[in-house]
């Protein structure tokens, strides 16, 4: 059995695996940007993240002045 007999299958298998990985990377990148846009829209409408600590009014004013 020679390696050349299976070369086409091996190349096709690696090409298919690379195509799947690249498609998944693209999908994740597109979804990441969509989620960031959705989060920015929610924050613009007044919703905040639960992981973000609540700020008092004076602290928020100081943050606005520093920006």
C-alpha atoms as a PDB file:
ATOM      1  CA  UNK A   1       0.000   0.000   0.000  1.00  0.00           C
ATOM      2  CA  UNK A   2       1.490   3.306  -1.047  1.00  0.00           C
ATOM      3  CA  UNK A   3       0.822   6.666   0.543  1.00  0.00           C
ATOM      4  CA  UNK A   4       0.176   8.198  -2.880  1.00  0.00           C
ATOM      5  CA  UNK A   5      -2.927   6.030  -3.255  1.00  0.00           C
ATOM      6  CA  UNK A   6      -4.604   7.875  -0.386  1.00  0.00           C
ATOM      7  CA  UNK A   7      -3.175  11.329  -0.988  1.00  0.00           C
ATOM      8  CA  UNK A   8      -6.380  12.660  -2.538  1.00  0.00           C
ATOM      9  CA  UNK A   9      -8.469  11.539   0.429  1.00  0.00           C
ATOM     10  CA  UNK A  10      -6.035  13.002   2.945  1.00  0.00           C
ATOM     11  CA  UNK A  11      -5.900  16.350   1.142  1.00  0.00           C
ATOM     12  CA  UNK A  12      -9.695  16.447   0.841  1.00  0.00           C
ATOM     13  CA  UNK A  13     -10.119  15.620   4.532  1.00  0.00           C
ATOM     14  CA  UNK A  14      -7.728  18.377   5.603  1.00  0.00           C
ATOM     15  CA  UNK A  15      -9.376  20.850   3.208  1.00  0.00           C
ATOM     16  CA  UNK A  16     -12.831  20.004   4.576  1.00  0.00           C
ATOM     17  CA  UNK A  17     -11.631  20.358   8.169  1.00  0.00           C
ATOM     18  CA  UNK A  18      -9.992  23.710   7.385  1.00  0.00           C
ATOM     19  CA  UNK A  19     -13.188  24.929   5.681  1.00  0.00           C
ATOM     20  CA  UNK A  20     -15.279  23.969   8.715  1.00  0.00           C
ATOM     21  CA  UNK A  21     -12.892  25.685  11.140  1.00  0.00           C
ATOM     22  CA  UNK A  22     -12.784  28.856   9.029  1.00  0.00           C
ATOM     23  CA  UNK A  23     -16.577  28.872   8.758  1.00  0.00           C
ATOM     24  CA  UNK A  24     -16.895  28.575  12.533  1.00  0.00           C
ATOM     25  CA  UNK A  25     -14.409  31.398  13.076  1.00  0.00           C
ATOM     26  CA  UNK A  26     -16.371  33.587  10.670  1.00  0.00           C
ATOM     27  CA  UNK A  27     -19.667  32.712  12.338  1.00  0.00           C
ATOM     28  CA  UNK A  28     -18.302  33.550  15.783  1.00  0.00           C
ATOM     29  CA  UNK A  29     -16.862  36.868  14.549  1.00  0.00           C
ATOM     30  CA  UNK A  30     -20.168  37.877  12.936  1.00  0.00           C
ATOM     31  CA  UNK A  31     -22.136  36.866  16.038  1.00  0.00           C
ATOM     32  CA  UNK A  32     -19.687  38.741  18.287  1.00  0.00           C
ATOM     33  CA  UNK A  33     -20.286  41.972  16.392  1.00  0.00           C
ATOM     34  CA  UNK A  34     -24.055  41.428  16.405  1.00  0.00           C
ATOM     35  CA  UNK A  35     -24.031  40.859  20.178  1.00  0.00           C
ATOM     36  CA  UNK A  36     -21.905  43.965  20.744  1.00  0.00           C
ATOM     37  CA  UNK A  37     -24.376  46.035  18.694  1.00  0.00           C
ATOM     38  CA  UNK A  38     -27.316  44.590  20.632  1.00  0.00           C
ATOM     39  CA  UNK A  39     -25.585  45.300  23.952  1.00  0.00           C
ATOM     40  CA  UNK A  40     -24.777  48.868  22.922  1.00  0.00           C
ATOM     41  CA  UNK A  41     -28.418  49.371  21.903  1.00  0.00           C
ATOM     42  CA  UNK A  42     -29.641  48.073  25.264  1.00  0.00           C
ATOM     43  CA  UNK A  43     -27.190  50.267  27.175  1.00  0.00           C
ATOM     44  CA  UNK A  44     -28.237  53.275  25.082  1.00  0.00           C
ATOM     45  CA  UNK A  45     -31.858  52.592  26.063  1.00  0.00           C
ATOM     46  CA  UNK A  46     -30.930  52.554  29.757  1.00  0.00           C
ATOM     47  CA  UNK A  47     -30.403  48.891  30.527  1.00  0.00           C
ATOM     48  CA  UNK A  48     -27.173  48.017  32.305  1.00  0.00           C
ATOM     49  CA  UNK A  49     -25.253  44.832  32.866  1.00  0.00           C
ATOM     50  CA  UNK A  50     -25.783  42.909  36.068  1.00  0.00           C
ATOM     51  CA  UNK A  51     -22.026  42.392  36.365  1.00  0.00           C
ATOM     52  CA  UNK A  52     -21.458  46.146  36.328  1.00  0.00           C
ATOM     53  CA  UNK A  53     -21.564  47.700  39.825  1.00  0.00           C
ATOM     54  CA  UNK A  54     -24.213  50.331  40.388  1.00  0.00           C
ATOM     55  CA  UNK A  55     -22.826  53.845  40.574  1.00  0.00           C
ATOM     56  CA  UNK A  56     -24.177  56.609  42.709  1.00  0.00           C
ATOM     57  CA  UNK A  57     -25.192  59.888  41.067  1.00  0.00           C
ATOM     58  CA  UNK A  58     -22.040  61.809  42.210  1.00  0.00           C
ATOM     59  CA  UNK A  59     -19.792  59.039  40.941  1.00  0.00           C
ATOM     60  CA  UNK A  60     -21.538  59.088  37.564  1.00  0.00           C
ATOM     61  CA  UNK A  61     -21.091  62.857  37.315  1.00  0.00           C
ATOM     62  CA  UNK A  62     -17.394  62.526  38.102  1.00  0.00           C
ATOM     63  CA  UNK A  63     -17.038  59.866  35.432  1.00  0.00           C
ATOM     64  CA  UNK A  64     -18.740  62.125  32.861  1.00  0.00           C
ATOM     65  CA  UNK A  65     -16.470  65.035  33.776  1.00  0.00           C
ATOM     66  CA  UNK A  66     -13.354  62.878  33.482  1.00  0.00           C
ATOM     67  CA  UNK A  67     -14.250  61.657  29.995  1.00  0.00           C
END
